[in-house]
Each structure stands twice: as structure tokens, then as C-alpha cells.
Amino acid sequence: MRPDIPRGIRNYNPGNIERTSTRWQGMALDQSGDSRFIVFSHPVWGIRAIARTLITYQDKHGLRTVERIIQRWAPDSENNTVAYVAAVSARLHVGPGQAIDVYDYRTMLELVRAIVRHENGPGPLPGGDWYGEPMLAEGLALAGILRGVRHGDCMDAGGRATPGAVADEVSA
């Protein structure tokens, strides 16, 4: 891949997720290409990692606003967090302190798009995107975020998956 392509795009890690002890699904076997950031084997795995991280922020840390999410994603010590929050809020058409739900497909889609755009600069696609909706939707699906399926719709009262809800979405 050309060196003028942003690092996050080259690494198939459009969220620029840093290396830790976490072994992400879809990590490339060879991580020697970048000492700081994870290298994924395909962009959908990097997109999935963004979505899974955002789900963790909401579920485990109670972060439900763009401001709180981005303050954790891109701390002031390394980023212009104020500008980042403003850019993401504008993309989502919400105020920085307005509650959002990352399990909502459209919200997660736009949140991931905004993060990818901010992390990598404008891309070659319309609206400055790097990836089209089919690629983003595949990554979100790998994270459990499906278009047309609300959080909880795929589980029965005992917490078991209900294949009918998923099958309806997949066939759509």
C-alpha cells in the first residue's frame, strides 16, 4: 500500500486502536509493520474493533454522549479532543452532551464514520469517507450491530439467540 495513505487505512485499523495485550479477532498474524497500532487483516476487522470498543464504552463504562466517548477514545494528552468532539457531534447531528445509543445501527454507523474520518482525514469517497456503507455494515455486523434489529431483539427471555430475528435481517 502507498506510504501516502494514512496509517490507520494502511493498517486496516481505521480507528487507530493501539496495541495492548488484547488479541482482537481479525488481527494480522504479522504485527511487525507497526510498533504502536494494531494491524488487522482486512478493514472489516478494524471497523468491528471500533464498534466493539464503543459498545464496551457504553455498557461497561456508562459513556453515552459523544463528549464522554471521544474524551476516552482520544484523550486530551494526545489529541485536540474539543475539535474531535465537535466534528463527531456535527456528523451525528447531536449536541456533545446529548445521550446516544451505540446499539442503534444508524447511530453506530455515523459514529464509526466520524471516527474514521477524524483519525485518517478525508477519504476519497463522497462525504470524505474511506469506506462505503457495505464495508461498514459488514464490520458492524461482526460486532453484533445489525440494520433493522434493535438491541435485545435477538434474545429470548433466557438470553439465548433467536435465529428468526437475525435471519430476517440477513435476508433483507
N, C-alpha and C. Protein backbone atom coordinates (compact mmCIF):
# COMPACT_ATOMS: atom_id res chain seq x y z
N MET A 1 0.85 -1.18 0.00
CA MET A 1 0.00 0.00 0.00
C MET A 1 0.89 1.24 0.00
N ARG A 2 0.45 2.28 -0.66
CA ARG A 2 1.26 3.51 -0.79
C ARG A 2 1.49 4.18 0.56
N PRO A 3 2.71 4.71 0.78
CA PRO A 3 3.02 5.34 2.07
C PRO A 3 2.24 6.64 2.31
N ASP A 4 1.67 7.25 1.26
CA ASP A 4 0.91 8.47 1.47
C ASP A 4 -0.52 8.19 1.97
N ILE A 5 -0.89 6.93 2.01
CA ILE A 5 -2.18 6.53 2.58
C ILE A 5 -2.05 6.62 4.10
N PRO A 6 -3.04 7.18 4.80
CA PRO A 6 -2.94 7.29 6.26
C PRO A 6 -2.67 5.95 6.94
N ARG A 7 -1.94 6.03 8.02
CA ARG A 7 -1.51 4.85 8.77
C ARG A 7 -2.68 3.94 9.14
N GLY A 8 -3.78 4.52 9.62
CA GLY A 8 -4.93 3.72 10.02
C GLY A 8 -5.53 2.94 8.86
N ILE A 9 -5.51 3.53 7.67
CA ILE A 9 -6.03 2.86 6.48
C ILE A 9 -5.05 1.77 6.04
N ARG A 10 -3.75 2.09 6.05
CA ARG A 10 -2.72 1.09 5.69
C ARG A 10 -2.78 -0.13 6.59
N ASN A 11 -3.03 0.10 7.88
CA ASN A 11 -3.06 -0.98 8.87
C ASN A 11 -4.41 -1.68 8.93
N TYR A 12 -5.35 -1.26 8.11
CA TYR A 12 -6.74 -1.76 8.19
C TYR A 12 -7.28 -1.55 9.61
N ASN A 13 -6.81 -0.51 10.25
CA ASN A 13 -7.18 -0.15 11.62
C ASN A 13 -7.61 1.32 11.59
N PRO A 14 -8.77 1.60 10.97
CA PRO A 14 -9.16 2.99 10.74
C PRO A 14 -9.47 3.79 12.00
N GLY A 15 -9.57 3.12 13.14
CA GLY A 15 -9.75 3.82 14.41
C GLY A 15 -8.45 4.07 15.13
N ASN A 16 -7.34 3.62 14.54
CA ASN A 16 -6.01 3.74 15.16
C ASN A 16 -6.01 3.21 16.59
N ILE A 17 -6.49 2.00 16.75
CA ILE A 17 -6.52 1.36 18.06
C ILE A 17 -5.11 0.88 18.39
N GLU A 18 -4.65 1.29 19.58
CA GLU A 18 -3.28 0.98 19.98
C GLU A 18 -3.13 -0.48 20.40
N ARG A 19 -1.91 -0.96 20.24
CA ARG A 19 -1.59 -2.33 20.65
C ARG A 19 -1.62 -2.44 22.17
N THR A 20 -2.23 -3.51 22.63
CA THR A 20 -2.26 -3.86 24.06
C THR A 20 -2.15 -5.38 24.11
N SER A 21 -2.45 -5.96 25.25
CA SER A 21 -2.43 -7.42 25.36
C SER A 21 -3.68 -8.06 24.75
N THR A 22 -4.67 -7.26 24.38
CA THR A 22 -5.90 -7.79 23.78
C THR A 22 -5.60 -8.42 22.43
N ARG A 23 -6.10 -9.63 22.22
CA ARG A 23 -5.97 -10.31 20.93
C ARG A 23 -7.29 -10.17 20.20
N TRP A 24 -7.35 -9.22 19.30
CA TRP A 24 -8.57 -8.90 18.56
C TRP A 24 -8.83 -9.93 17.48
N GLN A 25 -10.11 -10.21 17.23
CA GLN A 25 -10.46 -11.01 16.06
C GLN A 25 -10.00 -10.24 14.83
N GLY A 26 -9.44 -10.96 13.88
CA GLY A 26 -9.04 -10.34 12.62
C GLY A 26 -7.68 -9.67 12.64
N MET A 27 -6.94 -9.78 13.75
CA MET A 27 -5.58 -9.23 13.78
C MET A 27 -4.73 -9.95 12.75
N ALA A 28 -3.91 -9.21 12.04
CA ALA A 28 -2.97 -9.83 11.12
C ALA A 28 -1.97 -10.66 11.92
N LEU A 29 -1.53 -11.76 11.36
CA LEU A 29 -0.53 -12.59 12.04
C LEU A 29 0.76 -11.82 12.24
N ASP A 30 1.14 -11.02 11.26
CA ASP A 30 2.37 -10.24 11.33
C ASP A 30 2.05 -8.84 11.85
N GLN A 31 2.45 -8.55 13.07
CA GLN A 31 2.23 -7.24 13.68
C GLN A 31 3.49 -6.37 13.63
N SER A 32 4.51 -6.81 12.91
CA SER A 32 5.79 -6.09 12.90
C SER A 32 5.74 -4.80 12.08
N GLY A 33 4.69 -4.58 11.32
CA GLY A 33 4.61 -3.40 10.48
C GLY A 33 4.36 -2.11 11.23
N ASP A 34 3.92 -2.21 12.49
CA ASP A 34 3.63 -1.01 13.27
C ASP A 34 3.85 -1.33 14.74
N SER A 35 4.71 -0.59 15.40
CA SER A 35 5.02 -0.88 16.80
C SER A 35 3.99 -0.30 17.76
N ARG A 36 3.16 0.65 17.30
CA ARG A 36 2.22 1.31 18.20
C ARG A 36 0.78 0.85 18.00
N PHE A 37 0.37 0.67 16.75
CA PHE A 37 -1.04 0.39 16.46
C PHE A 37 -1.22 -1.03 15.93
N ILE A 38 -2.39 -1.61 16.22
CA ILE A 38 -2.74 -2.94 15.72
C ILE A 38 -2.82 -2.92 14.21
N VAL A 39 -2.42 -4.02 13.60
CA VAL A 39 -2.60 -4.23 12.17
C VAL A 39 -3.64 -5.34 12.03
N PHE A 40 -4.72 -5.06 11.29
CA PHE A 40 -5.76 -6.05 11.04
C PHE A 40 -5.57 -6.65 9.66
N SER A 41 -6.19 -7.80 9.42
CA SER A 41 -6.05 -8.50 8.14
C SER A 41 -6.96 -7.95 7.06
N HIS A 42 -7.97 -7.17 7.45
CA HIS A 42 -8.94 -6.61 6.50
C HIS A 42 -9.65 -5.45 7.20
N PRO A 43 -10.09 -4.45 6.46
CA PRO A 43 -10.76 -3.31 7.09
C PRO A 43 -11.97 -3.67 7.94
N VAL A 44 -12.73 -4.71 7.56
CA VAL A 44 -13.92 -5.03 8.35
C VAL A 44 -13.56 -5.37 9.79
N TRP A 45 -12.38 -5.95 10.01
CA TRP A 45 -11.97 -6.29 11.37
C TRP A 45 -11.60 -5.03 12.16
N GLY A 46 -11.01 -4.06 11.51
CA GLY A 46 -10.73 -2.79 12.17
C GLY A 46 -12.01 -2.04 12.51
N ILE A 47 -12.98 -2.09 11.60
CA ILE A 47 -14.29 -1.47 11.84
C ILE A 47 -14.98 -2.18 12.99
N ARG A 48 -14.92 -3.51 13.00
CA ARG A 48 -15.51 -4.27 14.10
C ARG A 48 -14.88 -3.86 15.43
N ALA A 49 -13.56 -3.71 15.45
CA ALA A 49 -12.87 -3.34 16.69
C ALA A 49 -13.32 -1.97 17.20
N ILE A 50 -13.53 -1.03 16.28
CA ILE A 50 -14.06 0.28 16.69
C ILE A 50 -15.41 0.08 17.36
N ALA A 51 -16.31 -0.64 16.69
CA ALA A 51 -17.66 -0.84 17.22
C ALA A 51 -17.65 -1.57 18.56
N ARG A 52 -16.84 -2.61 18.69
CA ARG A 52 -16.78 -3.35 19.95
C ARG A 52 -16.26 -2.45 21.08
N THR A 53 -15.30 -1.60 20.77
CA THR A 53 -14.78 -0.67 21.78
C THR A 53 -15.87 0.30 22.21
N LEU A 54 -16.62 0.82 21.25
CA LEU A 54 -17.70 1.76 21.57
C LEU A 54 -18.81 1.09 22.39
N ILE A 55 -19.11 -0.17 22.09
CA ILE A 55 -20.09 -0.92 22.87
C ILE A 55 -19.59 -1.08 24.31
N THR A 56 -18.31 -1.38 24.46
CA THR A 56 -17.73 -1.51 25.80
C THR A 56 -17.80 -0.18 26.54
N TYR A 57 -17.53 0.91 25.85
CA TYR A 57 -17.62 2.23 26.49
C TYR A 57 -19.02 2.45 27.05
N GLN A 58 -20.04 2.08 26.28
CA GLN A 58 -21.42 2.30 26.74
C GLN A 58 -21.79 1.32 27.85
N ASP A 59 -21.53 0.03 27.62
CA ASP A 59 -22.00 -1.00 28.55
C ASP A 59 -21.21 -1.07 29.85
N LYS A 60 -19.90 -0.98 29.78
CA LYS A 60 -19.08 -1.17 30.97
C LYS A 60 -18.68 0.13 31.66
N HIS A 61 -18.64 1.21 30.89
CA HIS A 61 -18.16 2.47 31.45
C HIS A 61 -19.25 3.54 31.52
N GLY A 62 -20.45 3.24 31.01
CA GLY A 62 -21.57 4.18 31.08
C GLY A 62 -21.40 5.42 30.23
N LEU A 63 -20.57 5.36 29.20
CA LEU A 63 -20.33 6.52 28.34
C LEU A 63 -21.40 6.55 27.26
N ARG A 64 -22.28 7.56 27.33
CA ARG A 64 -23.42 7.60 26.43
C ARG A 64 -23.57 8.92 25.70
N THR A 65 -22.55 9.76 25.74
CA THR A 65 -22.57 11.02 24.98
C THR A 65 -21.33 11.08 24.11
N VAL A 66 -21.42 11.83 23.02
CA VAL A 66 -20.26 11.99 22.15
C VAL A 66 -19.09 12.54 22.95
N GLU A 67 -19.36 13.52 23.79
CA GLU A 67 -18.28 14.14 24.57
C GLU A 67 -17.54 13.13 25.43
N ARG A 68 -18.26 12.31 26.17
CA ARG A 68 -17.62 11.34 27.06
C ARG A 68 -16.94 10.22 26.27
N ILE A 69 -17.57 9.79 25.18
CA ILE A 69 -16.99 8.73 24.36
C ILE A 69 -15.67 9.19 23.76
N ILE A 70 -15.67 10.36 23.15
CA ILE A 70 -14.45 10.85 22.48
C ILE A 70 -13.38 11.24 23.49
N GLN A 71 -13.76 11.73 24.66
CA GLN A 71 -12.75 12.03 25.68
C GLN A 71 -11.99 10.76 26.07
N ARG A 72 -12.66 9.63 26.05
CA ARG A 72 -11.96 8.37 26.36
C ARG A 72 -11.22 7.85 25.13
N TRP A 73 -11.85 7.95 23.95
CA TRP A 73 -11.24 7.44 22.71
C TRP A 73 -9.96 8.21 22.38
N ALA A 74 -10.02 9.51 22.51
CA ALA A 74 -8.91 10.38 22.08
C ALA A 74 -8.61 11.40 23.18
N PRO A 75 -7.93 10.99 24.24
CA PRO A 75 -7.69 11.88 25.38
C PRO A 75 -6.91 13.14 25.01
N ASP A 76 -7.16 14.19 25.79
CA ASP A 76 -6.51 15.49 25.58
C ASP A 76 -4.99 15.40 25.51
N SER A 77 -4.42 14.43 26.20
CA SER A 77 -2.96 14.32 26.24
C SER A 77 -2.35 14.07 24.86
N GLU A 78 -3.14 13.53 23.92
CA GLU A 78 -2.62 13.21 22.59
C GLU A 78 -3.40 13.87 21.46
N ASN A 79 -4.53 14.49 21.76
CA ASN A 79 -5.43 14.96 20.71
C ASN A 79 -6.05 16.30 21.06
N ASN A 80 -6.58 16.95 20.04
CA ASN A 80 -7.42 18.12 20.25
C ASN A 80 -8.84 17.58 20.43
N THR A 81 -9.12 17.17 21.66
CA THR A 81 -10.38 16.49 21.94
C THR A 81 -11.58 17.39 21.70
N VAL A 82 -11.45 18.68 21.95
CA VAL A 82 -12.55 19.62 21.72
C VAL A 82 -12.95 19.61 20.24
N ALA A 83 -11.96 19.67 19.36
CA ALA A 83 -12.24 19.64 17.92
C ALA A 83 -12.81 18.28 17.50
N TYR A 84 -12.29 17.22 18.08
CA TYR A 84 -12.76 15.87 17.77
C TYR A 84 -14.23 15.73 18.16
N VAL A 85 -14.58 16.16 19.37
CA VAL A 85 -15.97 16.10 19.85
C VAL A 85 -16.87 16.91 18.93
N ALA A 86 -16.43 18.10 18.55
CA ALA A 86 -17.23 18.96 17.67
C ALA A 86 -17.47 18.29 16.32
N ALA A 87 -16.43 17.68 15.76
CA ALA A 87 -16.56 17.03 14.44
C ALA A 87 -17.52 15.84 14.51
N VAL A 88 -17.39 15.04 15.54
CA VAL A 88 -18.25 13.86 15.67
C VAL A 88 -19.69 14.28 15.96
N SER A 89 -19.87 15.24 16.84
CA SER A 89 -21.22 15.73 17.14
C SER A 89 -21.90 16.26 15.88
N ALA A 90 -21.16 17.00 15.08
CA ALA A 90 -21.72 17.54 13.83
C ALA A 90 -22.12 16.41 12.89
N ARG A 91 -21.30 15.39 12.79
CA ARG A 91 -21.61 14.26 11.89
C ARG A 91 -22.87 13.53 12.34
N LEU A 92 -23.06 13.43 13.66
CA LEU A 92 -24.22 12.73 14.20
C LEU A 92 -25.44 13.64 14.36
N HIS A 93 -25.25 14.95 14.16
CA HIS A 93 -26.33 15.93 14.33
C HIS A 93 -26.89 15.89 15.75
N VAL A 94 -25.99 15.80 16.73
CA VAL A 94 -26.37 15.81 18.14
C VAL A 94 -25.46 16.78 18.89
N GLY A 95 -25.92 17.25 20.02
CA GLY A 95 -25.07 18.05 20.88
C GLY A 95 -24.04 17.16 21.57
N PRO A 96 -22.90 17.71 21.96
CA PRO A 96 -21.85 16.91 22.60
C PRO A 96 -22.31 16.17 23.86
N GLY A 97 -23.26 16.76 24.60
CA GLY A 97 -23.74 16.15 25.84
C GLY A 97 -25.04 15.39 25.69
N GLN A 98 -25.54 15.26 24.47
CA GLN A 98 -26.80 14.54 24.23
C GLN A 98 -26.55 13.03 24.25
N ALA A 99 -27.42 12.30 24.92
CA ALA A 99 -27.28 10.85 25.00
C ALA A 99 -27.49 10.20 23.64
N ILE A 100 -26.65 9.21 23.34
CA ILE A 100 -26.79 8.41 22.13
C ILE A 100 -26.79 6.94 22.53
N ASP A 101 -27.22 6.08 21.62
CA ASP A 101 -27.23 4.64 21.87
C ASP A 101 -26.43 3.96 20.78
N VAL A 102 -25.29 3.40 21.13
CA VAL A 102 -24.42 2.79 20.11
C VAL A 102 -24.99 1.49 19.56
N TYR A 103 -26.05 0.96 20.17
CA TYR A 103 -26.70 -0.22 19.61
C TYR A 103 -27.63 0.14 18.46
N ASP A 104 -27.94 1.41 18.30
CA ASP A 104 -28.75 1.84 17.16
C ASP A 104 -27.86 1.82 15.92
N TYR A 105 -28.28 1.08 14.89
CA TYR A 105 -27.45 0.90 13.70
C TYR A 105 -27.00 2.23 13.10
N ARG A 106 -27.94 3.13 12.86
CA ARG A 106 -27.61 4.39 12.18
C ARG A 106 -26.66 5.22 13.05
N THR A 107 -26.89 5.24 14.36
CA THR A 107 -26.00 5.98 15.26
C THR A 107 -24.59 5.41 15.22
N MET A 108 -24.48 4.08 15.34
CA MET A 108 -23.16 3.46 15.31
C MET A 108 -22.48 3.68 13.96
N LEU A 109 -23.23 3.55 12.88
CA LEU A 109 -22.67 3.76 11.54
C LEU A 109 -22.06 5.15 11.43
N GLU A 110 -22.81 6.16 11.82
CA GLU A 110 -22.32 7.54 11.70
C GLU A 110 -21.20 7.82 12.70
N LEU A 111 -21.26 7.22 13.87
CA LEU A 111 -20.19 7.40 14.86
C LEU A 111 -18.88 6.80 14.34
N VAL A 112 -18.95 5.61 13.79
CA VAL A 112 -17.76 4.97 13.22
C VAL A 112 -17.24 5.78 12.04
N ARG A 113 -18.13 6.22 11.15
CA ARG A 113 -17.71 7.06 10.02
C ARG A 113 -16.98 8.31 10.51
N ALA A 114 -17.53 8.95 11.53
CA ALA A 114 -16.93 10.18 12.04
C ALA A 114 -15.56 9.91 12.66
N ILE A 115 -15.42 8.82 13.40
CA ILE A 115 -14.13 8.47 13.99
C ILE A 115 -13.11 8.17 12.90
N VAL A 116 -13.50 7.38 11.92
CA VAL A 116 -12.59 7.04 10.82
C VAL A 116 -12.15 8.31 10.09
N ARG A 117 -13.08 9.21 9.83
CA ARG A 117 -12.75 10.46 9.13
C ARG A 117 -11.79 11.30 9.97
N HIS A 118 -12.06 11.40 11.27
CA HIS A 118 -11.21 12.24 12.11
C HIS A 118 -9.82 11.62 12.30
N GLU A 119 -9.76 10.32 12.43
CA GLU A 119 -8.47 9.64 12.63
C GLU A 119 -7.59 9.67 11.39
N ASN A 120 -8.20 9.68 10.20
CA ASN A 120 -7.45 9.50 8.96
C ASN A 120 -7.53 10.66 7.99
N GLY A 121 -8.31 11.69 8.32
CA GLY A 121 -8.51 12.78 7.38
C GLY A 121 -9.54 12.38 6.34
N PRO A 122 -9.83 13.28 5.42
CA PRO A 122 -10.86 12.98 4.42
C PRO A 122 -10.42 11.87 3.46
N GLY A 123 -11.37 11.00 3.17
CA GLY A 123 -11.12 9.91 2.24
C GLY A 123 -11.60 10.24 0.84
N PRO A 124 -11.43 9.32 -0.09
CA PRO A 124 -11.73 9.57 -1.50
C PRO A 124 -13.20 9.42 -1.88
N LEU A 125 -14.03 8.90 -0.97
CA LEU A 125 -15.44 8.66 -1.29
C LEU A 125 -16.28 9.91 -1.01
N PRO A 126 -17.50 9.96 -1.53
CA PRO A 126 -18.38 11.10 -1.24
C PRO A 126 -18.50 11.34 0.26
N GLY A 127 -18.52 12.60 0.64
CA GLY A 127 -18.60 12.97 2.05
C GLY A 127 -17.28 12.82 2.78
N GLY A 128 -16.20 12.52 2.04
CA GLY A 128 -14.90 12.36 2.67
C GLY A 128 -14.70 11.02 3.35
N ASP A 129 -15.56 10.06 3.06
CA ASP A 129 -15.46 8.74 3.69
C ASP A 129 -14.33 7.92 3.07
N TRP A 130 -13.85 6.95 3.85
CA TRP A 130 -12.85 6.00 3.38
C TRP A 130 -13.49 4.69 2.94
N TYR A 131 -14.64 4.37 3.54
CA TYR A 131 -15.31 3.11 3.24
C TYR A 131 -16.78 3.38 2.96
N GLY A 132 -17.34 2.60 2.03
CA GLY A 132 -18.76 2.69 1.73
C GLY A 132 -19.58 1.96 2.77
N GLU A 133 -20.89 2.17 2.72
CA GLU A 133 -21.75 1.55 3.72
C GLU A 133 -21.69 0.01 3.71
N PRO A 134 -21.56 -0.66 2.56
CA PRO A 134 -21.48 -2.13 2.63
C PRO A 134 -20.31 -2.63 3.49
N MET A 135 -19.14 -2.02 3.36
CA MET A 135 -17.98 -2.42 4.16
C MET A 135 -18.21 -2.09 5.64
N LEU A 136 -18.74 -0.90 5.90
CA LEU A 136 -19.02 -0.52 7.28
C LEU A 136 -20.07 -1.44 7.90
N ALA A 137 -21.13 -1.74 7.14
CA ALA A 137 -22.19 -2.62 7.64
C ALA A 137 -21.65 -4.01 7.97
N GLU A 138 -20.72 -4.50 7.17
CA GLU A 138 -20.13 -5.82 7.44
C GLU A 138 -19.35 -5.79 8.75
N GLY A 139 -18.56 -4.74 8.95
CA GLY A 139 -17.81 -4.62 10.20
C GLY A 139 -18.73 -4.48 11.40
N LEU A 140 -19.81 -3.70 11.25
CA LEU A 140 -20.76 -3.54 12.34
C LEU A 140 -21.47 -4.86 12.64
N ALA A 141 -21.81 -5.61 11.59
CA ALA A 141 -22.47 -6.90 11.80
C ALA A 141 -21.55 -7.85 12.57
N LEU A 142 -20.26 -7.82 12.27
CA LEU A 142 -19.31 -8.65 13.00
C LEU A 142 -19.26 -8.27 14.48
N ALA A 143 -19.63 -7.03 14.79
CA ALA A 143 -19.68 -6.55 16.17
C ALA A 143 -21.05 -6.76 16.80
N GLY A 144 -22.01 -7.28 16.01
CA GLY A 144 -23.35 -7.53 16.53
C GLY A 144 -24.33 -6.40 16.31
N ILE A 145 -23.97 -5.41 15.51
CA ILE A 145 -24.86 -4.29 15.22
C ILE A 145 -25.43 -4.50 13.82
N LEU A 146 -26.73 -4.78 13.77
CA LEU A 146 -27.39 -5.10 12.51
C LEU A 146 -28.44 -4.06 12.16
N ARG A 147 -28.51 -3.72 10.91
CA ARG A 147 -29.52 -2.78 10.41
C ARG A 147 -30.90 -3.40 10.64
N GLY A 148 -31.80 -2.64 11.25
CA GLY A 148 -33.17 -3.08 11.43
C GLY A 148 -33.41 -3.98 12.63
N VAL A 149 -32.38 -4.27 13.42
CA VAL A 149 -32.54 -5.11 14.60
C VAL A 149 -32.15 -4.29 15.81
N ARG A 150 -33.12 -4.05 16.69
CA ARG A 150 -32.84 -3.29 17.91
C ARG A 150 -32.13 -4.18 18.92
N HIS A 151 -31.33 -3.57 19.78
CA HIS A 151 -30.64 -4.31 20.83
C HIS A 151 -31.66 -5.07 21.66
N GLY A 152 -31.43 -6.34 21.85
CA GLY A 152 -32.35 -7.16 22.63
C GLY A 152 -33.33 -7.93 21.77
N ASP A 153 -33.55 -7.51 20.52
CA ASP A 153 -34.50 -8.19 19.65
C ASP A 153 -34.05 -9.60 19.29
N CYS A 154 -32.77 -9.89 19.41
CA CYS A 154 -32.24 -11.20 19.00
C CYS A 154 -32.10 -12.16 20.17
N MET A 155 -32.65 -11.81 21.33
CA MET A 155 -32.51 -12.66 22.50
C MET A 155 -33.89 -13.01 23.06
N ASP A 156 -34.01 -14.24 23.57
CA ASP A 156 -35.24 -14.61 24.25
C ASP A 156 -35.09 -14.24 25.73
N ALA A 157 -36.10 -14.54 26.53
CA ALA A 157 -36.09 -14.15 27.94
C ALA A 157 -34.92 -14.76 28.70
N GLY A 158 -34.41 -15.90 28.23
CA GLY A 158 -33.28 -16.54 28.89
C GLY A 158 -31.93 -16.09 28.38
N GLY A 159 -31.91 -15.08 27.48
CA GLY A 159 -30.66 -14.57 26.94
C GLY A 159 -30.09 -15.39 25.80
N ARG A 160 -30.89 -16.31 25.25
CA ARG A 160 -30.43 -17.14 24.13
C ARG A 160 -30.80 -16.47 22.81
N ALA A 161 -29.96 -16.65 21.81
CA ALA A 161 -30.20 -16.06 20.49
C ALA A 161 -31.47 -16.63 19.88
N THR A 162 -32.24 -15.77 19.23
CA THR A 162 -33.43 -16.20 18.49
C THR A 162 -33.11 -16.06 17.01
N PRO A 163 -32.81 -17.16 16.33
CA PRO A 163 -32.35 -17.11 14.94
C PRO A 163 -33.30 -16.39 14.00
N GLY A 164 -34.61 -16.41 14.26
CA GLY A 164 -35.56 -15.76 13.36
C GLY A 164 -35.30 -14.27 13.21
N ALA A 165 -34.96 -13.60 14.30
CA ALA A 165 -34.71 -12.15 14.23
C ALA A 165 -33.49 -11.87 13.38
N VAL A 166 -32.46 -12.69 13.53
CA VAL A 166 -31.25 -12.49 12.74
C VAL A 166 -31.50 -12.86 11.29
N ALA A 167 -32.20 -13.98 11.06
CA ALA A 167 -32.46 -14.42 9.69
C ALA A 167 -33.25 -13.38 8.92
N ASP A 168 -34.22 -12.73 9.57
CA ASP A 168 -34.99 -11.69 8.89
C ASP A 168 -34.08 -10.56 8.44
N GLU A 169 -33.12 -10.18 9.28
CA GLU A 169 -32.22 -9.09 8.94
C GLU A 169 -31.27 -9.49 7.83
N VAL A 170 -30.73 -10.69 7.90
CA VAL A 170 -29.76 -11.13 6.92
C VAL A 170 -30.40 -11.23 5.54
N SER A 171 -31.65 -11.65 5.49
CA SER A 171 -32.32 -11.80 4.20
C SER A 171 -32.78 -10.47 3.62
N ALA A 172 -32.81 -9.43 4.42
CA ALA A 172 -33.28 -8.11 3.95
C ALA A 172 -32.28 -7.46 3.03
